[in-house]
Amino acid sequence: MPKIFALRNDYTKYQDLKLGIRDLARKCPDNIPLDDVNKFSQRNTALASWWPTPETRFIKNEGFNKAQIPDIARWTKGTLVLSPKSYRLLGDLLQQSGELLPVMIGPDTYYIYNCHVFGEEDKHQTRFSYIDDQPFELLELAFTEEASKQLLFKSKAQNCVTLYCNAQFKQLIQEYELNGLTFDEELLLNPQIRNNL
């Protein structure tokens, strides 16, 4: 089975984009349901038709004053934020599986990549805990071989919280020497780490 990685940010070395989905929801047109914006990743909502091109900045995480601005990093749910360099190198490729939304950071145009691809979970290896016969917590996650053919994808079972990639995407990031992401073979964060985020 080909390798699949969960994309994570390195919070100790790189800054985070200061932008919340609620900030954007306030600017969406009245004819667009707020749930489609707030749950855009789970619902695969396209945002480009009304995207406001927000102005924002990167911020350092508490206690990490030497953190740098990343070339590429996770923003929220099934998204990435790309520097002008990353956009130049990856933009055409990423546009095939999602949309690229401009964000102004000082004089520079960065882009948010909104992934529109769901990876197919392996139903035999993906496991939940249950309460009253309802799925409660995702305990194990695995994908089919078909999913590993996608550069980037998200998981319905995991509620689109994390973005996943294949080995080809990891290789591209390394070849282009783009910093900011780590590639985790553990597809789910353990509950103790998850609760501290």
C-alpha atoms as a PDB file:
ATOM      1  CA  MET A   1       0.000   0.000   0.000  1.00  0.00           C
ATOM      2  CA  PRO A   2       1.461   3.426  -0.961  1.00  0.00           C
ATOM      3  CA  LYS A   3       2.273   5.832   1.873  1.00  0.00           C
ATOM      4  CA  ILE A   4      -0.269   8.413   3.009  1.00  0.00           C
ATOM      5  CA  PHE A   5       0.619  11.279   5.342  1.00  0.00           C
ATOM      6  CA  ALA A   6      -1.339  13.631   7.575  1.00  0.00           C
ATOM      7  CA  LEU A   7      -0.199  17.220   7.049  1.00  0.00           C
ATOM      8  CA  ARG A   8       0.700  19.044  10.255  1.00  0.00           C
ATOM      9  CA  ASN A   9       2.128  22.470  11.035  1.00  0.00           C
ATOM     10  CA  ASP A  10       5.392  22.835  12.909  1.00  0.00           C
ATOM     11  CA  TYR A  11       4.183  25.335  15.518  1.00  0.00           C
ATOM     12  CA  THR A  12       7.624  25.639  17.094  1.00  0.00           C
ATOM     13  CA  LYS A  13       9.336  26.934  13.935  1.00  0.00           C
ATOM     14  CA  TYR A  14       6.592  28.590  11.892  1.00  0.00           C
ATOM     15  CA  GLN A  15       3.867  31.151  12.437  1.00  0.00           C
ATOM     16  CA  ASP A  16       0.115  30.700  11.930  1.00  0.00           C
ATOM     17  CA  LEU A  17      -2.197  32.636   9.647  1.00  0.00           C
ATOM     18  CA  LYS A  18      -4.401  34.950  11.706  1.00  0.00           C
ATOM     19  CA  LEU A  19      -7.733  34.451   9.988  1.00  0.00           C
ATOM     20  CA  GLY A  20     -10.918  32.847  11.258  1.00  0.00           C
ATOM     21  CA  ILE A  21     -13.764  31.432   9.224  1.00  0.00           C
ATOM     22  CA  ARG A  22     -16.159  33.579  11.284  1.00  0.00           C
ATOM     23  CA  ASP A  23     -14.388  36.688   9.989  1.00  0.00           C
ATOM     24  CA  LEU A  24     -15.184  35.515   6.466  1.00  0.00           C
ATOM     25  CA  ALA A  25     -18.744  34.417   7.260  1.00  0.00           C
ATOM     26  CA  ARG A  26     -19.615  38.009   8.186  1.00  0.00           C
ATOM     27  CA  LYS A  27     -18.760  39.061   4.622  1.00  0.00           C
ATOM     28  CA  CYS A  28     -20.627  36.372   2.712  1.00  0.00           C
ATOM     29  CA  PRO A  29     -23.755  37.321   0.718  1.00  0.00           C
ATOM     30  CA  ASP A  30     -27.172  36.884   2.351  1.00  0.00           C
ATOM     31  CA  ASN A  31     -28.211  34.223  -0.171  1.00  0.00           C
ATOM     32  CA  ILE A  32     -25.471  31.839   1.030  1.00  0.00           C
ATOM     33  CA  PRO A  33     -26.407  29.808   4.131  1.00  0.00           C
ATOM     34  CA  LEU A  34     -23.994  30.456   7.015  1.00  0.00           C
ATOM     35  CA  ASP A  35     -23.678  26.713   7.607  1.00  0.00           C
ATOM     36  CA  ASP A  36     -22.263  26.364   4.079  1.00  0.00           C
ATOM     37  CA  VAL A  37     -19.519  28.788   5.102  1.00  0.00           C
ATOM     38  CA  ASN A  38     -18.886  27.567   8.652  1.00  0.00           C
ATOM     39  CA  LYS A  39     -18.806  23.932   7.474  1.00  0.00           C
ATOM     40  CA  PHE A  40     -17.289  24.663   4.065  1.00  0.00           C
ATOM     41  CA  SER A  41     -14.756  21.839   4.235  1.00  0.00           C
ATOM     42  CA  GLN A  42     -17.236  19.122   5.248  1.00  0.00           C
ATOM     43  CA  ARG A  43     -19.782  20.310   2.655  1.00  0.00           C
ATOM     44  CA  ASN A  44     -17.189  20.909  -0.067  1.00  0.00           C
ATOM     45  CA  THR A  45     -18.455  24.461  -0.460  1.00  0.00           C
ATOM     46  CA  ALA A  46     -16.819  26.562  -3.171  1.00  0.00           C
ATOM     47  CA  LEU A  47     -15.973  30.010  -1.786  1.00  0.00           C
ATOM     48  CA  ALA A  48     -14.469  31.747  -4.824  1.00  0.00           C
ATOM     49  CA  SER A  49     -17.684  33.399  -6.081  1.00  0.00           C
ATOM     50  CA  TRP A  50     -17.897  35.708  -3.049  1.00  0.00           C
ATOM     51  CA  TRP A  51     -14.419  35.499  -1.520  1.00  0.00           C
ATOM     52  CA  PRO A  52     -13.579  38.966  -0.052  1.00  0.00           C
ATOM     53  CA  THR A  53      -9.726  38.819  -0.379  1.00  0.00           C
ATOM     54  CA  PRO A  54      -9.112  39.530   3.307  1.00  0.00           C
ATOM     55  CA  GLU A  55      -6.116  41.432   4.646  1.00  0.00           C
ATOM     56  CA  THR A  56      -4.400  39.660   7.512  1.00  0.00           C
ATOM     57  CA  ARG A  57      -1.021  38.600   8.912  1.00  0.00           C
ATOM     58  CA  PHE A  58       0.899  35.722  10.438  1.00  0.00           C
ATOM     59  CA  ILE A  59       1.280  35.438  14.213  1.00  0.00           C
ATOM     60  CA  LYS A  60       3.790  33.637  16.410  1.00  0.00           C
ATOM     61  CA  ASN A  61       2.588  30.952  18.773  1.00  0.00           C
ATOM     62  CA  GLU A  62       3.098  31.714  22.439  1.00  0.00           C
ATOM     63  CA  GLY A  63       6.619  30.952  23.581  1.00  0.00           C
ATOM     64  CA  PHE A  64       8.080  30.668  20.061  1.00  0.00           C
ATOM     65  CA  ASN A  65       9.382  34.168  19.334  1.00  0.00           C
ATOM     66  CA  LYS A  66      11.822  33.042  16.630  1.00  0.00           C
ATOM     67  CA  ALA A  67       9.136  31.359  14.524  1.00  0.00           C
ATOM     68  CA  GLN A  68       9.288  32.253  10.824  1.00  0.00           C
ATOM     69  CA  ILE A  69       6.600  32.777   8.197  1.00  0.00           C
ATOM     70  CA  PRO A  70       6.081  29.450   6.354  1.00  0.00           C
ATOM     71  CA  ASP A  71       6.155  28.833   2.622  1.00  0.00           C
ATOM     72  CA  ILE A  72       3.197  26.484   2.970  1.00  0.00           C
ATOM     73  CA  ALA A  73       1.132  25.516   6.002  1.00  0.00           C
ATOM     74  CA  ARG A  74      -2.259  24.274   7.113  1.00  0.00           C
ATOM     75  CA  TRP A  75      -4.819  26.987   7.713  1.00  0.00           C
ATOM     76  CA  THR A  76      -8.051  25.382   8.932  1.00  0.00           C
ATOM     77  CA  LYS A  77      -9.746  22.056   8.208  1.00  0.00           C
ATOM     78  CA  GLY A  78      -9.090  20.910   4.609  1.00  0.00           C
ATOM     79  CA  THR A  79      -7.019  23.917   3.563  1.00  0.00           C
ATOM     80  CA  LEU A  80      -3.478  25.162   3.092  1.00  0.00           C
ATOM     81  CA  VAL A  81      -2.021  28.655   2.917  1.00  0.00           C
ATOM     82  CA  LEU A  82       0.572  29.215   0.193  1.00  0.00           C
ATOM     83  CA  SER A  83       3.207  31.938  -0.013  1.00  0.00           C
ATOM     84  CA  PRO A  84       3.751  33.638  -3.395  1.00  0.00           C
ATOM     85  CA  LYS A  85       6.640  31.199  -3.985  1.00  0.00           C
ATOM     86  CA  SER A  86       4.504  28.135  -3.180  1.00  0.00           C
ATOM     87  CA  TYR A  87       1.679  29.453  -5.327  1.00  0.00           C
ATOM     88  CA  ARG A  88       4.053  29.939  -8.258  1.00  0.00           C
ATOM     89  CA  LEU A  89       5.406  26.386  -7.916  1.00  0.00           C
ATOM     90  CA  LEU A  90       2.225  24.501  -6.985  1.00  0.00           C
ATOM     91  CA  GLY A  91      -0.730  26.673  -8.004  1.00  0.00           C
ATOM     92  CA  ASP A  92      -1.485  25.082 -11.381  1.00  0.00           C
ATOM     93  CA  LEU A  93      -1.280  21.604  -9.874  1.00  0.00           C
ATOM     94  CA  LEU A  94      -3.481  22.382  -6.855  1.00  0.00           C
ATOM     95  CA  GLN A  95      -6.138  24.145  -8.908  1.00  0.00           C
ATOM     96  CA  GLN A  96      -7.036  20.765 -10.412  1.00  0.00           C
ATOM     97  CA  SER A  97      -8.349  19.496  -7.052  1.00  0.00           C
ATOM     98  CA  GLY A  98      -9.678  22.607  -5.349  1.00  0.00           C
ATOM     99  CA  GLU A  99      -9.761  26.374  -5.467  1.00  0.00           C
ATOM    100  CA  LEU A 100      -7.145  29.026  -4.700  1.00  0.00           C
ATOM    101  CA  LEU A 101      -8.369  32.068  -2.792  1.00  0.00           C
ATOM    102  CA  PRO A 102      -6.267  35.234  -2.454  1.00  0.00           C
ATOM    103  CA  VAL A 103      -5.278  36.711   0.918  1.00  0.00           C
ATOM    104  CA  MET A 104      -3.306  39.928   1.311  1.00  0.00           C
ATOM    105  CA  ILE A 105      -0.420  39.883   3.788  1.00  0.00           C
ATOM    106  CA  GLY A 106       1.215  43.280   3.654  1.00  0.00           C
ATOM    107  CA  PRO A 107       1.970  43.968  -0.019  1.00  0.00           C
ATOM    108  CA  ASP A 108       2.066  40.242  -0.912  1.00  0.00           C
ATOM    109  CA  THR A 109      -0.704  38.034  -2.242  1.00  0.00           C
ATOM    110  CA  TYR A 110      -0.844  34.663  -0.511  1.00  0.00           C
ATOM    111  CA  TYR A 111      -3.403  31.988  -1.410  1.00  0.00           C
ATOM    112  CA  ILE A 112      -5.611  29.642   0.554  1.00  0.00           C
ATOM    113  CA  TYR A 113      -6.064  26.274  -1.098  1.00  0.00           C
ATOM    114  CA  ASN A 114      -9.546  24.874  -0.428  1.00  0.00           C
ATOM    115  CA  CYS A 115      -9.371  21.131  -1.164  1.00  0.00           C
ATOM    116  CA  HIS A 116     -12.416  19.631  -2.904  1.00  0.00           C
ATOM    117  CA  VAL A 117     -11.315  15.968  -2.886  1.00  0.00           C
ATOM    118  CA  PHE A 118     -12.482  13.318  -0.423  1.00  0.00           C
ATOM    119  CA  GLY A 119     -10.286  10.263   0.029  1.00  0.00           C
ATOM    120  CA  GLU A 120     -12.077   6.928   0.181  1.00  0.00           C
ATOM    121  CA  GLU A 121     -11.711   5.351   3.607  1.00  0.00           C
ATOM    122  CA  ASP A 122     -10.984   1.650   3.967  1.00  0.00           C
ATOM    123  CA  LYS A 123     -14.173   0.518   5.716  1.00  0.00           C
ATOM    124  CA  HIS A 124     -12.510  -2.608   7.144  1.00  0.00           C
ATOM    125  CA  GLN A 125      -9.694  -0.721   8.882  1.00  0.00           C
ATOM    126  CA  THR A 126     -11.491   2.500   9.870  1.00  0.00           C
ATOM    127  CA  ARG A 127     -12.984   2.139  13.364  1.00  0.00           C
ATOM    128  CA  PHE A 128     -15.231   4.269  15.605  1.00  0.00           C
ATOM    129  CA  SER A 129     -16.296   4.072  19.217  1.00  0.00           C
ATOM    130  CA  TYR A 130     -20.076   4.222  19.652  1.00  0.00           C
ATOM    131  CA  ILE A 131     -22.549   5.707  22.119  1.00  0.00           C
ATOM    132  CA  ASP A 132     -26.176   4.572  21.809  1.00  0.00           C
ATOM    133  CA  ASP A 133     -25.375   2.931  18.461  1.00  0.00           C
ATOM    134  CA  GLN A 134     -24.115   6.255  17.055  1.00  0.00           C
ATOM    135  CA  PRO A 135     -20.467   6.815  15.958  1.00  0.00           C
ATOM    136  CA  PHE A 136     -18.789   8.887  18.659  1.00  0.00           C
ATOM    137  CA  GLU A 137     -15.019   8.997  18.178  1.00  0.00           C
ATOM    138  CA  LEU A 138     -12.817   7.949  15.281  1.00  0.00           C
ATOM    139  CA  LEU A 139     -10.305   5.447  16.687  1.00  0.00           C
ATOM    140  CA  GLU A 140      -8.530   4.201  13.562  1.00  0.00           C
ATOM    141  CA  LEU A 141      -8.340   5.596  10.048  1.00  0.00           C
ATOM    142  CA  ALA A 142      -7.121   3.965   6.858  1.00  0.00           C
ATOM    143  CA  PHE A 143      -7.597   4.778   3.194  1.00  0.00           C
ATOM    144  CA  THR A 144      -8.003   2.671   0.079  1.00  0.00           C
ATOM    145  CA  GLU A 145      -5.266   2.416  -2.521  1.00  0.00           C
ATOM    146  CA  GLU A 146      -7.433   4.572  -4.797  1.00  0.00           C
ATOM    147  CA  ALA A 147      -7.213   7.457  -2.294  1.00  0.00           C
ATOM    148  CA  SER A 148      -3.418   7.335  -2.397  1.00  0.00           C
ATOM    149  CA  LYS A 149      -3.519   8.322  -6.085  1.00  0.00           C
ATOM    150  CA  GLN A 150      -4.689  11.806  -5.067  1.00  0.00           C
ATOM    151  CA  LEU A 151      -2.052  14.427  -4.229  1.00  0.00           C
ATOM    152  CA  LEU A 152      -4.214  15.933  -1.488  1.00  0.00           C
ATOM    153  CA  PHE A 153      -7.515  14.878   0.051  1.00  0.00           C
ATOM    154  CA  LYS A 154      -9.641  15.023   3.176  1.00  0.00           C
ATOM    155  CA  SER A 155     -11.639  12.421   5.095  1.00  0.00           C
ATOM    156  CA  LYS A 156     -15.388  12.422   5.731  1.00  0.00           C
ATOM    157  CA  ALA A 157     -14.888   9.953   8.591  1.00  0.00           C
ATOM    158  CA  GLN A 158     -12.471  12.404  10.208  1.00  0.00           C
ATOM    159  CA  ASN A 159     -14.874  15.326   9.606  1.00  0.00           C
ATOM    160  CA  CYS A 160     -12.369  17.013   7.247  1.00  0.00           C
ATOM    161  CA  VAL A 161     -10.279  18.287  10.160  1.00  0.00           C
ATOM    162  CA  THR A 162      -6.958  17.212   8.619  1.00  0.00           C
ATOM    163  CA  LEU A 163      -5.586  17.337   5.103  1.00  0.00           C
ATOM    164  CA  TYR A 164      -3.855  14.191   3.811  1.00  0.00           C
ATOM    165  CA  CYS A 165      -1.355  13.725   1.002  1.00  0.00           C
ATOM    166  CA  ASN A 166       0.437  11.027  -0.934  1.00  0.00           C
ATOM    167  CA  ALA A 167       4.187  10.476  -1.293  1.00  0.00           C
ATOM    168  CA  GLN A 168       4.271  12.433  -4.543  1.00  0.00           C
ATOM    169  CA  PHE A 169       3.099  15.616  -2.818  1.00  0.00           C
ATOM    170  CA  LYS A 170       5.636  15.130  -0.031  1.00  0.00           C
ATOM    171  CA  GLN A 171       8.368  14.719  -2.655  1.00  0.00           C
ATOM    172  CA  LEU A 172       7.291  17.934  -4.429  1.00  0.00           C
ATOM    173  CA  ILE A 173       7.472  19.903  -1.163  1.00  0.00           C
ATOM    174  CA  GLN A 174      10.951  18.535  -0.475  1.00  0.00           C
ATOM    175  CA  GLU A 175      12.214  19.093  -4.033  1.00  0.00           C
ATOM    176  CA  TYR A 176      10.997  22.698  -4.048  1.00  0.00           C
ATOM    177  CA  GLU A 177      12.406  23.205  -0.520  1.00  0.00           C
ATOM    178  CA  LEU A 178       9.143  24.632   0.781  1.00  0.00           C
ATOM    179  CA  ASN A 179       9.078  24.906   4.563  1.00  0.00           C
ATOM    180  CA  GLY A 180       6.235  24.859   7.092  1.00  0.00           C
ATOM    181  CA  LEU A 181       4.656  21.396   6.860  1.00  0.00           C
ATOM    182  CA  THR A 182       5.490  18.126   8.551  1.00  0.00           C
ATOM    183  CA  PHE A 183       4.371  14.752   7.185  1.00  0.00           C
ATOM    184  CA  ASP A 184       2.950  12.427   9.818  1.00  0.00           C
ATOM    185  CA  GLU A 185       2.479   8.719   9.143  1.00  0.00           C
ATOM    186  CA  GLU A 186       0.110   8.617  12.127  1.00  0.00           C
ATOM    187  CA  LEU A 187      -3.127   9.590  10.382  1.00  0.00           C
ATOM    188  CA  LEU A 188      -4.891  10.502  13.638  1.00  0.00           C
ATOM    189  CA  LEU A 189      -3.499  12.551  16.488  1.00  0.00           C
ATOM    190  CA  ASN A 190      -3.745  10.676  19.746  1.00  0.00           C
ATOM    191  CA  PRO A 191      -6.523  12.050  21.999  1.00  0.00           C
ATOM    192  CA  GLN A 192      -4.122  13.590  24.540  1.00  0.00           C
ATOM    193  CA  ILE A 193      -2.368  15.687  21.866  1.00  0.00           C
ATOM    194  CA  ARG A 194      -5.677  16.517  20.173  1.00  0.00           C
ATOM    195  CA  ASN A 195      -7.205  17.825  23.422  1.00  0.00           C
ATOM    196  CA  ASN A 196      -4.238  20.132  24.015  1.00  0.00           C
ATOM    197  CA  LEU A 197      -4.465  21.851  20.606  1.00  0.00           C
END
